[in-house]
C-alpha atoms as a PDB file:
ATOM      1  CA  UNK A   1     -40.288  -1.097  15.462  1.00  0.00           C
ATOM      2  CA  UNK A   2     -37.412   0.692  17.318  1.00  0.00           C
ATOM      3  CA  UNK A   3     -36.273  -2.549  19.091  1.00  0.00           C
ATOM      4  CA  UNK A   4     -36.070  -4.274  15.804  1.00  0.00           C
ATOM      5  CA  UNK A   5     -34.031  -1.382  14.289  1.00  0.00           C
ATOM      6  CA  UNK A   6     -31.752  -1.283  17.288  1.00  0.00           C
ATOM      7  CA  UNK A   7     -31.067  -5.096  17.018  1.00  0.00           C
ATOM      8  CA  UNK A   8     -30.420  -4.889  13.330  1.00  0.00           C
ATOM      9  CA  UNK A   9     -28.130  -1.818  13.617  1.00  0.00           C
ATOM     10  CA  UNK A  10     -26.141  -3.631  16.355  1.00  0.00           C
ATOM     11  CA  UNK A  11     -25.706  -6.727  14.192  1.00  0.00           C
ATOM     12  CA  UNK A  12     -24.850  -4.776  11.137  1.00  0.00           C
ATOM     13  CA  UNK A  13     -22.260  -2.792  13.045  1.00  0.00           C
ATOM     14  CA  UNK A  14     -20.624  -6.045  14.354  1.00  0.00           C
ATOM     15  CA  UNK A  15     -20.647  -7.419  10.836  1.00  0.00           C
ATOM     16  CA  UNK A  16     -19.064  -4.267   9.355  1.00  0.00           C
ATOM     17  CA  UNK A  17     -16.219  -4.333  12.026  1.00  0.00           C
ATOM     18  CA  UNK A  18     -15.633  -7.945  11.502  1.00  0.00           C
ATOM     19  CA  UNK A  19     -15.400  -7.357   7.775  1.00  0.00           C
ATOM     20  CA  UNK A  20     -12.992  -4.380   8.182  1.00  0.00           C
ATOM     21  CA  UNK A  21     -10.740  -6.496  10.440  1.00  0.00           C
ATOM     22  CA  UNK A  22     -10.646  -9.195   7.826  1.00  0.00           C
ATOM     23  CA  UNK A  23      -9.894  -7.036   4.814  1.00  0.00           C
ATOM     24  CA  UNK A  24      -7.377  -4.438   5.973  1.00  0.00           C
ATOM     25  CA  UNK A  25      -4.527  -3.091   3.861  1.00  0.00           C
ATOM     26  CA  UNK A  26      -5.962  -3.718   0.551  1.00  0.00           C
ATOM     27  CA  UNK A  27      -4.838  -0.411  -0.829  1.00  0.00           C
ATOM     28  CA  UNK A  28      -1.202   0.417  -1.655  1.00  0.00           C
ATOM     29  CA  UNK A  29       0.442   2.732   0.538  1.00  0.00           C
ATOM     30  CA  UNK A  30      -0.090   6.497  -0.553  1.00  0.00           C
ATOM     31  CA  UNK A  31       2.920   8.075  -2.129  1.00  0.00           C
ATOM     32  CA  UNK A  32       2.742  11.852  -2.498  1.00  0.00           C
ATOM     33  CA  UNK A  33       3.306  13.560  -5.757  1.00  0.00           C
ATOM     34  CA  UNK A  34       6.581  14.971  -4.529  1.00  0.00           C
ATOM     35  CA  UNK A  35       7.788  11.569  -3.391  1.00  0.00           C
ATOM     36  CA  UNK A  36       6.877  10.013  -6.787  1.00  0.00           C
ATOM     37  CA  UNK A  37       8.920  12.736  -8.564  1.00  0.00           C
ATOM     38  CA  UNK A  38      11.837  12.131  -6.330  1.00  0.00           C
ATOM     39  CA  UNK A  39      11.688   8.462  -6.924  1.00  0.00           C
ATOM     40  CA  UNK A  40      11.492   8.928 -10.712  1.00  0.00           C
ATOM     41  CA  UNK A  41      14.429  11.293 -10.538  1.00  0.00           C
ATOM     42  CA  UNK A  42      16.483   8.805  -8.630  1.00  0.00           C
ATOM     43  CA  UNK A  43      15.623   5.995 -11.032  1.00  0.00           C
ATOM     44  CA  UNK A  44      16.622   8.160 -13.999  1.00  0.00           C
ATOM     45  CA  UNK A  45      20.002   8.847 -12.352  1.00  0.00           C
ATOM     46  CA  UNK A  46      20.497   5.073 -11.708  1.00  0.00           C
ATOM     47  CA  UNK A  47      19.907   4.328 -15.400  1.00  0.00           C
ATOM     48  CA  UNK A  48      22.159   7.061 -16.611  1.00  0.00           C
ATOM     49  CA  UNK A  49      25.113   6.300 -14.574  1.00  0.00           C
ATOM     50  CA  UNK A  50      26.564   2.802 -15.067  1.00  0.00           C
ATOM     51  CA  UNK A  51      27.011   0.791 -11.967  1.00  0.00           C
ATOM     52  CA  UNK A  52      30.609   0.308 -10.749  1.00  0.00           C
ATOM     53  CA  UNK A  53      31.494  -3.348 -10.792  1.00  0.00           C
ATOM     54  CA  UNK A  54      34.130  -4.596  -8.368  1.00  0.00           C
ATOM     55  CA  UNK A  55      34.935  -7.746 -10.285  1.00  0.00           C
ATOM     56  CA  UNK A  56      33.470 -10.061  -7.638  1.00  0.00           C
ATOM     57  CA  UNK A  57      30.247 -10.833  -9.480  1.00  0.00           C
ATOM     58  CA  UNK A  58      30.302 -13.301 -12.461  1.00  0.00           C
ATOM     59  CA  UNK A  59      29.139 -11.876 -15.734  1.00  0.00           C
ATOM     60  CA  UNK A  60      26.925 -14.192 -17.934  1.00  0.00           C
END
């Protein structure tokens, strides 16, 4: 029984490692609460202040 278990565990471990290598970085990068607040604040400032246009871009 222990030999069967050892072989099964070995194959299962190899399968898990292979699967982990294939499916990495599925989750988005973690952003802390402080970073999220900082990003929201910067975005709010960008929306409030109009961007300065130097006249090189064409307006449609």
